[in-house]
PDB file of N, CA and C in Angstrom:
ATOM      1  N   UNK A   1     -14.912  -2.008 -12.969  1.00  0.00           N
ATOM      2  CA  UNK A   1     -13.449  -2.887 -12.865  1.00  0.00           C
ATOM      3  C   UNK A   1     -13.000  -2.552 -11.203  1.00  0.00           C
ATOM      4  N   UNK A   2     -12.257  -3.261 -10.219  1.00  0.00           N
ATOM      5  CA  UNK A   2     -12.062  -3.447  -9.605  1.00  0.00           C
ATOM      6  C   UNK A   2     -10.756  -3.240  -8.851  1.00  0.00           C
ATOM      7  N   UNK A   3     -10.402  -2.514  -8.270  1.00  0.00           N
ATOM      8  CA  UNK A   3      -8.973  -2.155  -7.892  1.00  0.00           C
ATOM      9  C   UNK A   3      -8.256  -3.434  -6.980  1.00  0.00           C
ATOM     10  N   UNK A   4      -7.071  -3.594  -7.549  1.00  0.00           N
ATOM     11  CA  UNK A   4      -6.325  -4.482  -7.008  1.00  0.00           C
ATOM     12  C   UNK A   4      -5.085  -4.261  -6.563  1.00  0.00           C
ATOM     13  N   UNK A   5      -4.546  -5.181  -6.157  1.00  0.00           N
ATOM     14  CA  UNK A   5      -2.831  -5.400  -5.844  1.00  0.00           C
ATOM     15  C   UNK A   5      -2.340  -6.848  -6.219  1.00  0.00           C
ATOM     16  N   UNK A   6      -1.452  -6.832  -7.178  1.00  0.00           N
ATOM     17  CA  UNK A   6      -0.721  -7.892  -7.501  1.00  0.00           C
ATOM     18  C   UNK A   6       0.753  -7.925  -7.055  1.00  0.00           C
ATOM     19  N   UNK A   7       1.512  -9.152  -6.935  1.00  0.00           N
ATOM     20  CA  UNK A   7       3.124  -9.192  -6.577  1.00  0.00           C
ATOM     21  C   UNK A   7       3.868  -9.188  -8.045  1.00  0.00           C
ATOM     22  N   UNK A   8       4.669  -7.819  -8.071  1.00  0.00           N
ATOM     23  CA  UNK A   8       5.426  -7.695  -9.294  1.00  0.00           C
ATOM     24  C   UNK A   8       6.350  -8.837  -9.577  1.00  0.00           C
ATOM     25  N   UNK A   9       6.689  -9.794  -8.299  1.00  0.00           N
ATOM     26  CA  UNK A   9       7.640 -11.049  -8.517  1.00  0.00           C
ATOM     27  C   UNK A   9       9.171 -10.399  -8.206  1.00  0.00           C
ATOM     28  N   UNK A  10       9.298  -9.202  -7.529  1.00  0.00           N
ATOM     29  CA  UNK A  10      10.404  -8.858  -6.924  1.00  0.00           C
ATOM     30  C   UNK A  10      10.333  -8.208  -5.723  1.00  0.00           C
ATOM     31  N   UNK A  11       8.900  -8.703  -4.793  1.00  0.00           N
ATOM     32  CA  UNK A  11       9.427  -8.401  -3.796  1.00  0.00           C
ATOM     33  C   UNK A  11       8.094  -6.999  -3.622  1.00  0.00           C
ATOM     34  N   UNK A  12       7.600  -6.496  -4.097  1.00  0.00           N
ATOM     35  CA  UNK A  12       6.734  -5.239  -4.296  1.00  0.00           C
ATOM     36  C   UNK A  12       5.317  -5.512  -4.721  1.00  0.00           C
ATOM     37  N   UNK A  13       4.706  -4.722  -4.465  1.00  0.00           N
ATOM     38  CA  UNK A  13       3.130  -4.844  -5.126  1.00  0.00           C
ATOM     39  C   UNK A  13       2.906  -3.842  -5.994  1.00  0.00           C
ATOM     40  N   UNK A  14       2.040  -4.186  -6.953  1.00  0.00           N
ATOM     41  CA  UNK A  14       1.829  -3.202  -8.396  1.00  0.00           C
ATOM     42  C   UNK A  14      -0.206  -3.052  -8.230  1.00  0.00           C
ATOM     43  N   UNK A  15      -0.731  -1.880  -8.200  1.00  0.00           N
ATOM     44  CA  UNK A  15      -1.832  -1.575  -8.557  1.00  0.00           C
ATOM     45  C   UNK A  15      -1.966  -1.831  -9.719  1.00  0.00           C
ATOM     46  N   UNK A  16      -3.844  -2.404  -9.940  1.00  0.00           N
ATOM     47  CA  UNK A  16      -3.887  -2.911 -10.856  1.00  0.00           C
ATOM     48  C   UNK A  16      -5.287  -2.489 -11.333  1.00  0.00           C
ATOM     49  N   UNK A  17      -6.177  -3.246 -11.740  1.00  0.00           N
ATOM     50  CA  UNK A  17      -7.412  -3.637 -12.129  1.00  0.00           C
ATOM     51  C   UNK A  17      -7.854  -4.728 -12.757  1.00  0.00           C
ATOM     52  N   UNK A  18      -9.503  -5.032 -12.216  1.00  0.00           N
ATOM     53  CA  UNK A  18      -9.732  -6.620 -12.605  1.00  0.00           C
ATOM     54  C   UNK A  18     -11.679  -6.296 -12.313  1.00  0.00           C
ATOM     55  N   UNK A  19     -11.536  -7.594 -13.396  1.00  0.00           N
ATOM     56  CA  UNK A  19     -13.194  -7.589 -13.673  1.00  0.00           C
ATOM     57  C   UNK A  19     -13.517  -8.153 -11.942  1.00  0.00           C
ATOM     58  N   UNK A  20     -14.346  -7.723 -11.430  1.00  0.00           N
ATOM     59  CA  UNK A  20     -14.467  -8.313 -10.223  1.00  0.00           C
ATOM     60  C   UNK A  20     -15.375  -9.437 -10.234  1.00  0.00           C
ATOM     61  N   UNK A  21     -16.123  -9.842 -11.287  1.00  0.00           N
ATOM     62  CA  UNK A  21     -16.641 -11.088 -11.158  1.00  0.00           C
ATOM     63  C   UNK A  21     -15.747 -12.235 -11.877  1.00  0.00           C
ATOM     64  N   UNK A  22     -14.511 -11.893 -12.026  1.00  0.00           N
ATOM     65  CA  UNK A  22     -13.448 -13.052 -12.902  1.00  0.00           C
ATOM     66  C   UNK A  22     -12.771 -13.007 -11.198  1.00  0.00           C
ATOM     67  N   UNK A  23     -12.300 -12.341 -10.622  1.00  0.00           N
ATOM     68  CA  UNK A  23     -11.834 -12.408  -9.362  1.00  0.00           C
ATOM     69  C   UNK A  23     -12.757 -13.395  -8.387  1.00  0.00           C
ATOM     70  N   UNK A  24     -14.020 -13.201  -8.380  1.00  0.00           N
ATOM     71  CA  UNK A  24     -14.875 -14.008  -7.313  1.00  0.00           C
ATOM     72  C   UNK A  24     -15.140 -15.590  -7.993  1.00  0.00           C
ATOM     73  N   UNK A  25     -14.571 -15.616  -9.218  1.00  0.00           N
ATOM     74  CA  UNK A  25     -14.830 -17.012  -9.987  1.00  0.00           C
ATOM     75  C   UNK A  25     -13.768 -17.673  -9.704  1.00  0.00           C
ATOM     76  N   UNK A  26     -12.416 -17.110  -9.589  1.00  0.00           N
ATOM     77  CA  UNK A  26     -11.381 -17.532  -9.061  1.00  0.00           C
ATOM     78  C   UNK A  26     -10.720 -18.238 -10.486  1.00  0.00           C
ATOM     79  N   UNK A  27      -9.483 -19.129 -10.088  1.00  0.00           N
ATOM     80  CA  UNK A  27      -8.749 -19.659 -11.261  1.00  0.00           C
ATOM     81  C   UNK A  27      -7.580 -18.520 -11.728  1.00  0.00           C
ATOM     82  N   UNK A  28      -7.513 -18.520 -13.229  1.00  0.00           N
ATOM     83  CA  UNK A  28      -6.174 -17.295 -13.268  1.00  0.00           C
ATOM     84  C   UNK A  28      -7.349 -16.245 -13.898  1.00  0.00           C
ATOM     85  N   UNK A  29      -7.112 -15.333 -13.577  1.00  0.00           N
ATOM     86  CA  UNK A  29      -7.555 -13.658 -14.338  1.00  0.00           C
ATOM     87  C   UNK A  29      -6.601 -12.708 -14.727  1.00  0.00           C
ATOM     88  N   UNK A  30      -7.358 -12.303 -15.459  1.00  0.00           N
ATOM     89  CA  UNK A  30      -6.255 -10.993 -16.529  1.00  0.00           C
ATOM     90  C   UNK A  30      -6.379  -9.290 -15.225  1.00  0.00           C
ATOM     91  N   UNK A  31      -5.214  -8.965 -15.165  1.00  0.00           N
ATOM     92  CA  UNK A  31      -5.528  -8.209 -14.197  1.00  0.00           C
ATOM     93  C   UNK A  31      -4.630  -7.065 -15.318  1.00  0.00           C
ATOM     94  N   UNK A  32      -5.299  -5.997 -15.586  1.00  0.00           N
ATOM     95  CA  UNK A  32      -4.615  -5.117 -16.209  1.00  0.00           C
ATOM     96  C   UNK A  32      -3.758  -3.509 -15.396  1.00  0.00           C
ATOM     97  N   UNK A  33      -2.644  -3.418 -15.411  1.00  0.00           N
ATOM     98  CA  UNK A  33      -1.750  -2.248 -14.546  1.00  0.00           C
ATOM     99  C   UNK A  33      -1.113  -1.779 -15.493  1.00  0.00           C
ATOM    100  N   UNK A  34      -0.479  -0.034 -15.027  1.00  0.00           N
ATOM    101  CA  UNK A  34      -0.332   0.617 -15.666  1.00  0.00           C
ATOM    102  C   UNK A  34       0.769   1.664 -14.858  1.00  0.00           C
ATOM    103  N   UNK A  35       2.009   0.658 -15.328  1.00  0.00           N
ATOM    104  CA  UNK A  35       2.656   1.416 -14.552  1.00  0.00           C
ATOM    105  C   UNK A  35       3.517   2.795 -14.649  1.00  0.00           C
ATOM    106  N   UNK A  36       4.099   3.818 -13.718  1.00  0.00           N
ATOM    107  CA  UNK A  36       3.948   4.712 -13.775  1.00  0.00           C
ATOM    108  C   UNK A  36       5.228   4.782 -15.473  1.00  0.00           C
ATOM    109  N   UNK A  37       4.589   5.857 -16.196  1.00  0.00           N
ATOM    110  CA  UNK A  37       5.482   6.655 -17.436  1.00  0.00           C
ATOM    111  C   UNK A  37       5.482   5.117 -18.450  1.00  0.00           C
ATOM    112  N   UNK A  38       4.751   4.062 -18.035  1.00  0.00           N
ATOM    113  CA  UNK A  38       5.054   2.917 -19.038  1.00  0.00           C
ATOM    114  C   UNK A  38       3.314   2.268 -19.679  1.00  0.00           C
ATOM    115  N   UNK A  39       3.550   1.861 -21.152  1.00  0.00           N
ATOM    116  CA  UNK A  39       2.083   1.375 -21.518  1.00  0.00           C
ATOM    117  C   UNK A  39       1.468   0.440 -20.428  1.00  0.00           C
ATOM    118  N   UNK A  40      -0.137   0.633 -21.003  1.00  0.00           N
ATOM    119  CA  UNK A  40      -0.606  -0.578 -20.054  1.00  0.00           C
ATOM    120  C   UNK A  40      -0.129  -2.178 -20.558  1.00  0.00           C
ATOM    121  N   UNK A  41      -0.219  -2.760 -19.125  1.00  0.00           N
ATOM    122  CA  UNK A  41       0.281  -4.219 -19.701  1.00  0.00           C
ATOM    123  C   UNK A  41      -1.012  -4.935 -18.702  1.00  0.00           C
ATOM    124  N   UNK A  42      -1.071  -6.379 -19.388  1.00  0.00           N
ATOM    125  CA  UNK A  42      -1.761  -7.525 -18.948  1.00  0.00           C
ATOM    126  C   UNK A  42      -1.099  -8.242 -18.312  1.00  0.00           C
ATOM    127  N   UNK A  43      -1.339  -9.031 -17.064  1.00  0.00           N
ATOM    128  CA  UNK A  43      -0.786 -10.177 -16.496  1.00  0.00           C
ATOM    129  C   UNK A  43      -2.323 -10.923 -15.570  1.00  0.00           C
ATOM    130  N   UNK A  44      -1.742 -12.270 -16.452  1.00  0.00           N
ATOM    131  CA  UNK A  44      -2.849 -13.475 -16.007  1.00  0.00           C
ATOM    132  C   UNK A  44      -2.366 -14.090 -14.651  1.00  0.00           C
ATOM    133  N   UNK A  45      -3.057 -13.831 -13.516  1.00  0.00           N
ATOM    134  CA  UNK A  45      -2.674 -14.093 -12.172  1.00  0.00           C
ATOM    135  C   UNK A  45      -3.639 -15.131 -11.641  1.00  0.00           C
ATOM    136  N   UNK A  46      -3.175 -15.904 -10.874  1.00  0.00           N
ATOM    137  CA  UNK A  46      -4.326 -16.542  -9.847  1.00  0.00           C
ATOM    138  C   UNK A  46      -4.905 -15.866  -8.887  1.00  0.00           C
ATOM    139  N   UNK A  47      -6.339 -16.271  -8.919  1.00  0.00           N
ATOM    140  CA  UNK A  47      -7.081 -15.201  -8.289  1.00  0.00           C
ATOM    141  C   UNK A  47      -6.574 -15.269  -6.323  1.00  0.00           C
ATOM    142  N   UNK A  48      -5.940 -16.232  -6.391  1.00  0.00           N
ATOM    143  CA  UNK A  48      -5.919 -16.384  -4.589  1.00  0.00           C
ATOM    144  C   UNK A  48      -4.073 -15.184  -4.733  1.00  0.00           C
ATOM    145  N   UNK A  49      -3.543 -14.706  -5.930  1.00  0.00           N
ATOM    146  CA  UNK A  49      -2.417 -14.110  -5.152  1.00  0.00           C
ATOM    147  C   UNK A  49      -3.143 -12.404  -5.640  1.00  0.00           C
ATOM    148  N   UNK A  50      -4.130 -12.410  -5.995  1.00  0.00           N
ATOM    149  CA  UNK A  50      -4.960 -10.986  -6.178  1.00  0.00           C
ATOM    150  C   UNK A  50      -5.263 -10.218  -4.811  1.00  0.00           C
ATOM    151  N   UNK A  51      -5.038  -9.101  -4.648  1.00  0.00           N
ATOM    152  CA  UNK A  51      -5.595  -8.596  -2.957  1.00  0.00           C
ATOM    153  C   UNK A  51      -6.213  -7.440  -3.318  1.00  0.00           C
ATOM    154  N   UNK A  52      -7.919  -7.145  -3.205  1.00  0.00           N
ATOM    155  CA  UNK A  52      -8.381  -6.169  -2.861  1.00  0.00           C
ATOM    156  C   UNK A  52      -7.711  -4.999  -2.896  1.00  0.00           C
ATOM    157  N   UNK A  53      -7.749  -3.627  -3.038  1.00  0.00           N
ATOM    158  CA  UNK A  53      -6.914  -2.669  -3.035  1.00  0.00           C
ATOM    159  C   UNK A  53      -8.088  -1.506  -2.110  1.00  0.00           C
ATOM    160  N   UNK A  54      -7.219  -0.226  -1.449  1.00  0.00           N
ATOM    161  CA  UNK A  54      -8.379   0.675  -0.881  1.00  0.00           C
ATOM    162  C   UNK A  54      -8.718   1.767  -2.125  1.00  0.00           C
ATOM    163  N   UNK A  55      -9.853   2.616  -2.338  1.00  0.00           N
ATOM    164  CA  UNK A  55      -9.763   3.474  -3.408  1.00  0.00           C
ATOM    165  C   UNK A  55      -8.504   4.433  -3.392  1.00  0.00           C
ATOM    166  N   UNK A  56      -8.249   4.881  -4.464  1.00  0.00           N
ATOM    167  CA  UNK A  56      -7.328   5.867  -4.663  1.00  0.00           C
ATOM    168  C   UNK A  56      -7.472   7.324  -3.755  1.00  0.00           C
ATOM    169  N   UNK A  57      -8.666   7.269  -3.674  1.00  0.00           N
ATOM    170  CA  UNK A  57      -9.061   8.737  -3.118  1.00  0.00           C
ATOM    171  C   UNK A  57      -9.298   8.926  -1.409  1.00  0.00           C
ATOM    172  N   UNK A  58      -8.927   7.427  -0.775  1.00  0.00           N
ATOM    173  CA  UNK A  58      -8.831   7.170   0.289  1.00  0.00           C
ATOM    174  C   UNK A  58      -8.216   8.286   1.410  1.00  0.00           C
ATOM    175  N   UNK A  59      -8.434   8.570   2.475  1.00  0.00           N
ATOM    176  CA  UNK A  59      -7.547   9.495   3.132  1.00  0.00           C
ATOM    177  C   UNK A  59      -6.151   8.812   4.158  1.00  0.00           C
ATOM    178  N   UNK A  60      -5.447   9.527   3.986  1.00  0.00           N
ATOM    179  CA  UNK A  60      -4.207   9.100   4.934  1.00  0.00           C
ATOM    180  C   UNK A  60      -4.569   9.018   6.222  1.00  0.00           C
ATOM    181  N   UNK A  61      -4.562   7.306   7.217  1.00  0.00           N
ATOM    182  CA  UNK A  61      -5.031   7.260   8.228  1.00  0.00           C
ATOM    183  C   UNK A  61      -3.797   7.204   8.952  1.00  0.00           C
ATOM    184  N   UNK A  62      -4.053   7.680  10.408  1.00  0.00           N
ATOM    185  CA  UNK A  62      -2.655   7.824  11.601  1.00  0.00           C
ATOM    186  C   UNK A  62      -2.880   6.209  11.882  1.00  0.00           C
ATOM    187  N   UNK A  63      -4.348   5.158  11.710  1.00  0.00           N
ATOM    188  CA  UNK A  63      -3.950   3.826  12.244  1.00  0.00           C
ATOM    189  C   UNK A  63      -4.478   3.098  11.449  1.00  0.00           C
ATOM    190  N   UNK A  64      -3.279   2.528  10.848  1.00  0.00           N
ATOM    191  CA  UNK A  64      -3.791   0.960   9.831  1.00  0.00           C
ATOM    192  C   UNK A  64      -5.291   0.062  10.019  1.00  0.00           C
ATOM    193  N   UNK A  65      -5.368   0.269  11.211  1.00  0.00           N
ATOM    194  CA  UNK A  65      -7.210  -0.301  11.204  1.00  0.00           C
ATOM    195  C   UNK A  65      -8.155   0.367  10.884  1.00  0.00           C
ATOM    196  N   UNK A  66      -7.765   1.514  10.604  1.00  0.00           N
ATOM    197  CA  UNK A  66      -9.259   2.490  10.310  1.00  0.00           C
ATOM    198  C   UNK A  66      -9.348   2.020   8.671  1.00  0.00           C
ATOM    199  N   UNK A  67      -8.253   1.247   7.499  1.00  0.00           N
ATOM    200  CA  UNK A  67      -8.296   1.329   6.376  1.00  0.00           C
ATOM    201  C   UNK A  67      -9.740   0.709   6.082  1.00  0.00           C
ATOM    202  N   UNK A  68     -10.329   0.603   5.307  1.00  0.00           N
ATOM    203  CA  UNK A  68     -11.391  -0.172   4.741  1.00  0.00           C
ATOM    204  C   UNK A  68     -10.811  -1.768   4.419  1.00  0.00           C
ATOM    205  N   UNK A  69     -10.293  -1.556   3.803  1.00  0.00           N
ATOM    206  CA  UNK A  69      -9.186  -3.161   3.435  1.00  0.00           C
ATOM    207  C   UNK A  69      -7.698  -2.717   4.166  1.00  0.00           C
ATOM    208  N   UNK A  70      -7.844  -3.962   5.085  1.00  0.00           N
ATOM    209  CA  UNK A  70      -5.938  -4.072   5.548  1.00  0.00           C
ATOM    210  C   UNK A  70      -5.190  -5.076   5.113  1.00  0.00           C
ATOM    211  N   UNK A  71      -5.020  -5.611   3.838  1.00  0.00           N
ATOM    212  CA  UNK A  71      -4.124  -6.653   3.924  1.00  0.00           C
ATOM    213  C   UNK A  71      -2.947  -6.025   3.960  1.00  0.00           C
ATOM    214  N   UNK A  72      -1.994  -7.208   3.421  1.00  0.00           N
ATOM    215  CA  UNK A  72      -0.277  -7.183   3.296  1.00  0.00           C
ATOM    216  C   UNK A  72      -0.229  -5.366   2.227  1.00  0.00           C
ATOM    217  N   UNK A  73      -0.576  -6.117   1.430  1.00  0.00           N
ATOM    218  CA  UNK A  73      -0.222  -4.940   0.094  1.00  0.00           C
ATOM    219  C   UNK A  73      -1.002  -3.171   0.744  1.00  0.00           C
ATOM    220  N   UNK A  74      -1.883  -3.060   1.100  1.00  0.00           N
ATOM    221  CA  UNK A  74      -2.556  -1.878   1.600  1.00  0.00           C
ATOM    222  C   UNK A  74      -2.198  -1.315   2.900  1.00  0.00           C
ATOM    223  N   UNK A  75      -1.539  -2.170   3.462  1.00  0.00           N
ATOM    224  CA  UNK A  75      -0.970  -1.617   4.893  1.00  0.00           C
ATOM    225  C   UNK A  75       0.207  -0.811   4.496  1.00  0.00           C
ATOM    226  N   UNK A  76       1.116  -2.026   3.530  1.00  0.00           N
ATOM    227  CA  UNK A  76       2.557  -1.282   3.123  1.00  0.00           C
ATOM    228  C   UNK A  76       2.296   0.114   2.274  1.00  0.00           C
ATOM    229  N   UNK A  77       1.173   0.034   1.491  1.00  0.00           N
ATOM    230  CA  UNK A  77       0.962   1.243   0.999  1.00  0.00           C
ATOM    231  C   UNK A  77       0.551   2.428   1.741  1.00  0.00           C
ATOM    232  N   UNK A  78      -0.295   2.218   2.606  1.00  0.00           N
ATOM    233  CA  UNK A  78      -0.583   3.231   3.590  1.00  0.00           C
ATOM    234  C   UNK A  78       0.484   3.626   4.282  1.00  0.00           C
ATOM    235  N   UNK A  79       1.454   2.809   4.557  1.00  0.00           N
ATOM    236  CA  UNK A  79       2.613   3.332   5.539  1.00  0.00           C
ATOM    237  C   UNK A  79       3.609   4.084   4.519  1.00  0.00           C
ATOM    238  N   UNK A  80       3.756   3.742   3.077  1.00  0.00           N
ATOM    239  CA  UNK A  80       4.475   4.902   2.273  1.00  0.00           C
ATOM    240  C   UNK A  80       3.839   6.191   1.811  1.00  0.00           C
ATOM    241  N   UNK A  81       2.580   5.793   1.901  1.00  0.00           N
ATOM    242  CA  UNK A  81       1.990   7.277   1.272  1.00  0.00           C
ATOM    243  C   UNK A  81       2.351   8.158   2.752  1.00  0.00           C
ATOM    244  N   UNK A  82       2.115   7.697   3.498  1.00  0.00           N
ATOM    245  CA  UNK A  82       2.417   8.427   5.508  1.00  0.00           C
ATOM    246  C   UNK A  82       3.731   9.317   5.224  1.00  0.00           C
ATOM    247  N   UNK A  83       4.786   8.148   4.773  1.00  0.00           N
ATOM    248  CA  UNK A  83       6.006   8.724   4.712  1.00  0.00           C
ATOM    249  C   UNK A  83       6.039   9.663   3.584  1.00  0.00           C
ATOM    250  N   UNK A  84       5.652   9.778   2.696  1.00  0.00           N
ATOM    251  CA  UNK A  84       5.417  10.916   1.630  1.00  0.00           C
ATOM    252  C   UNK A  84       5.094  12.048   2.288  1.00  0.00           C
ATOM    253  N   UNK A  85       4.335  12.112   2.947  1.00  0.00           N
ATOM    254  CA  UNK A  85       4.038  13.192   4.101  1.00  0.00           C
ATOM    255  C   UNK A  85       4.580  13.467   5.359  1.00  0.00           C
ATOM    256  N   UNK A  86       5.541  12.702   5.114  1.00  0.00           N
ATOM    257  CA  UNK A  86       6.498  13.191   5.799  1.00  0.00           C
ATOM    258  C   UNK A  86       6.213  12.791   7.688  1.00  0.00           C
ATOM    259  N   UNK A  87       5.468  11.549   8.005  1.00  0.00           N
ATOM    260  CA  UNK A  87       4.750  11.006   8.415  1.00  0.00           C
ATOM    261  C   UNK A  87       5.390   9.242   8.933  1.00  0.00           C
ATOM    262  N   UNK A  88       6.723   9.439   9.917  1.00  0.00           N
ATOM    263  CA  UNK A  88       6.964   8.383  10.067  1.00  0.00           C
ATOM    264  C   UNK A  88       6.762   7.465  10.961  1.00  0.00           C
ATOM    265  N   UNK A  89       5.839   7.792  11.560  1.00  0.00           N
ATOM    266  CA  UNK A  89       5.081   6.663  12.483  1.00  0.00           C
ATOM    267  C   UNK A  89       3.486   6.024  11.762  1.00  0.00           C
ATOM    268  N   UNK A  90       3.352   5.156  12.060  1.00  0.00           N
ATOM    269  CA  UNK A  90       2.025   4.763  12.105  1.00  0.00           C
ATOM    270  C   UNK A  90       1.924   3.800  13.395  1.00  0.00           C
ATOM    271  N   UNK A  91       0.089   3.678  13.622  1.00  0.00           N
ATOM    272  CA  UNK A  91       0.044   3.009  14.330  1.00  0.00           C
ATOM    273  C   UNK A  91      -0.916   1.623  13.681  1.00  0.00           C
ATOM    274  N   UNK A  92      -0.885   0.397  14.542  1.00  0.00           N
ATOM    275  CA  UNK A  92      -1.669  -0.425  13.947  1.00  0.00           C
ATOM    276  C   UNK A  92      -2.510  -0.968  15.503  1.00  0.00           C
ATOM    277  N   UNK A  93      -3.503  -0.530  15.729  1.00  0.00           N
ATOM    278  CA  UNK A  93      -4.013  -0.946  17.194  1.00  0.00           C
ATOM    279  C   UNK A  93      -3.067  -0.160  18.051  1.00  0.00           C
ATOM    280  N   UNK A  94      -2.659  -1.228  18.791  1.00  0.00           N
ATOM    281  CA  UNK A  94      -1.611  -0.909  20.085  1.00  0.00           C
ATOM    282  C   UNK A  94      -0.308  -0.781  19.397  1.00  0.00           C
ATOM    283  N   UNK A  95       0.230  -1.417  17.944  1.00  0.00           N
ATOM    284  CA  UNK A  95       1.399  -1.007  17.970  1.00  0.00           C
ATOM    285  C   UNK A  95       2.053   0.259  17.141  1.00  0.00           C
ATOM    286  N   UNK A  96       2.937   0.639  17.547  1.00  0.00           N
ATOM    287  CA  UNK A  96       3.805   1.850  16.301  1.00  0.00           C
ATOM    288  C   UNK A  96       4.795   1.569  15.902  1.00  0.00           C
ATOM    289  N   UNK A  97       4.339   1.739  14.602  1.00  0.00           N
ATOM    290  CA  UNK A  97       5.162   1.270  13.372  1.00  0.00           C
ATOM    291  C   UNK A  97       6.440   2.502  12.966  1.00  0.00           C
ATOM    292  N   UNK A  98       7.141   2.125  13.185  1.00  0.00           N
ATOM    293  CA  UNK A  98       8.304   3.642  12.887  1.00  0.00           C
ATOM    294  C   UNK A  98       9.074   3.200  11.506  1.00  0.00           C
ATOM    295  N   UNK A  99       9.235   4.349  11.020  1.00  0.00           N
ATOM    296  CA  UNK A  99      10.224   4.201   9.439  1.00  0.00           C
ATOM    297  C   UNK A  99      11.261   4.869   9.637  1.00  0.00           C
ATOM    298  N   UNK A 100      12.250   4.343   9.512  1.00  0.00           N
ATOM    299  CA  UNK A 100      13.657   5.235   9.326  1.00  0.00           C
ATOM    300  C   UNK A 100      13.660   6.058   8.058  1.00  0.00           C
ATOM    301  N   UNK A 101      13.565   7.363   7.642  1.00  0.00           N
ATOM    302  CA  UNK A 101      13.394   7.804   6.635  1.00  0.00           C
ATOM    303  C   UNK A 101      14.926   7.989   6.031  1.00  0.00           C
ATOM    304  N   UNK A 102      16.061   7.988   6.616  1.00  0.00           N
ATOM    305  CA  UNK A 102      17.331   7.547   6.098  1.00  0.00           C
ATOM    306  C   UNK A 102      17.975   9.231   5.586  1.00  0.00           C
ATOM    307  N   UNK A 103      16.936   9.955   6.575  1.00  0.00           N
ATOM    308  CA  UNK A 103      17.851  11.520   6.177  1.00  0.00           C
ATOM    309  C   UNK A 103      17.717  11.930   7.734  1.00  0.00           C
ATOM    310  N   UNK A 104      17.853  13.366   7.961  1.00  0.00           N
ATOM    311  CA  UNK A 104      17.850  13.893   9.096  1.00  0.00           C
ATOM    312  C   UNK A 104      16.586  14.624   9.323  1.00  0.00           C
ATOM    313  N   UNK A 105      15.580  14.265  10.477  1.00  0.00           N
ATOM    314  CA  UNK A 105      14.071  15.036   9.961  1.00  0.00           C
ATOM    315  C   UNK A 105      14.164  15.894  11.646  1.00  0.00           C
ATOM    316  N   UNK A 106      13.940  16.986  11.489  1.00  0.00           N
ATOM    317  CA  UNK A 106      13.688  18.310  12.207  1.00  0.00           C
ATOM    318  C   UNK A 106      12.762  17.511  13.468  1.00  0.00           C
ATOM    319  N   UNK A 107      13.329  17.661  14.760  1.00  0.00           N
ATOM    320  CA  UNK A 107      12.263  17.349  15.955  1.00  0.00           C
ATOM    321  C   UNK A 107      12.903  15.768  16.444  1.00  0.00           C
ATOM    322  N   UNK A 108      13.207  15.186  15.591  1.00  0.00           N
ATOM    323  CA  UNK A 108      13.656  13.855  16.109  1.00  0.00           C
ATOM    324  C   UNK A 108      14.995  13.393  16.342  1.00  0.00           C
ATOM    325  N   UNK A 109      15.731  14.400  16.966  1.00  0.00           N
ATOM    326  CA  UNK A 109      17.371  13.968  17.464  1.00  0.00           C
ATOM    327  C   UNK A 109      16.884  14.244  19.058  1.00  0.00           C
ATOM    328  N   UNK A 110      17.983  13.447  19.164  1.00  0.00           N
ATOM    329  CA  UNK A 110      18.153  13.871  21.093  1.00  0.00           C
ATOM    330  C   UNK A 110      17.950  15.065  21.610  1.00  0.00           C
ATOM    331  N   UNK A 111      18.932  16.217  20.721  1.00  0.00           N
ATOM    332  CA  UNK A 111      19.107  16.876  21.676  1.00  0.00           C
ATOM    333  C   UNK A 111      17.594  18.054  21.451  1.00  0.00           C
ATOM    334  N   UNK A 112      16.997  17.850  20.420  1.00  0.00           N
ATOM    335  CA  UNK A 112      15.522  18.443  20.142  1.00  0.00           C
ATOM    336  C   UNK A 112      14.476  18.031  21.077  1.00  0.00           C
ATOM    337  N   UNK A 113      14.335  16.688  21.259  1.00  0.00           N
ATOM    338  CA  UNK A 113      13.668  15.729  22.837  1.00  0.00           C
ATOM    339  C   UNK A 113      14.062  16.821  23.946  1.00  0.00           C
ATOM    340  N   UNK A 114      15.378  16.890  24.025  1.00  0.00           N
ATOM    341  CA  UNK A 114      15.939  17.261  25.643  1.00  0.00           C
ATOM    342  C   UNK A 114      15.029  18.926  25.961  1.00  0.00           C
ATOM    343  N   UNK A 115      15.345  19.635  24.510  1.00  0.00           N
ATOM    344  CA  UNK A 115      14.728  20.976  24.715  1.00  0.00           C
ATOM    345  C   UNK A 115      12.949  21.231  24.691  1.00  0.00           C
ATOM    346  N   UNK A 116      12.364  19.729  24.415  1.00  0.00           N
ATOM    347  CA  UNK A 116      10.768  20.144  24.200  1.00  0.00           C
ATOM    348  C   UNK A 116      10.276  19.961  25.537  1.00  0.00           C
TER     349      UNK A 116
END
């Protein structure tokens, strides 16, 4: 089984699994998804709408270009993973991506920067 991402149809990505040989053949494939706290669901998805996922045990990286697979859902997933570790900035090569955590973060206020 291969770990993949599929769209949930609402603008988010959902991790699932599919048979790698099905994905390489193309056409419509069956993707197994196990949402948090819900039973396993199967979705029939066009193969071109299925994106490979990085291994779950992959380390959090500082630069998304270091990801083994750097497609749209993998990059977004990595940014979310970094935010859960209170890491609100991520590099993509020479570009800095900054996420607003919508809460006060020590060390990011102007007064803190001036004292440093």
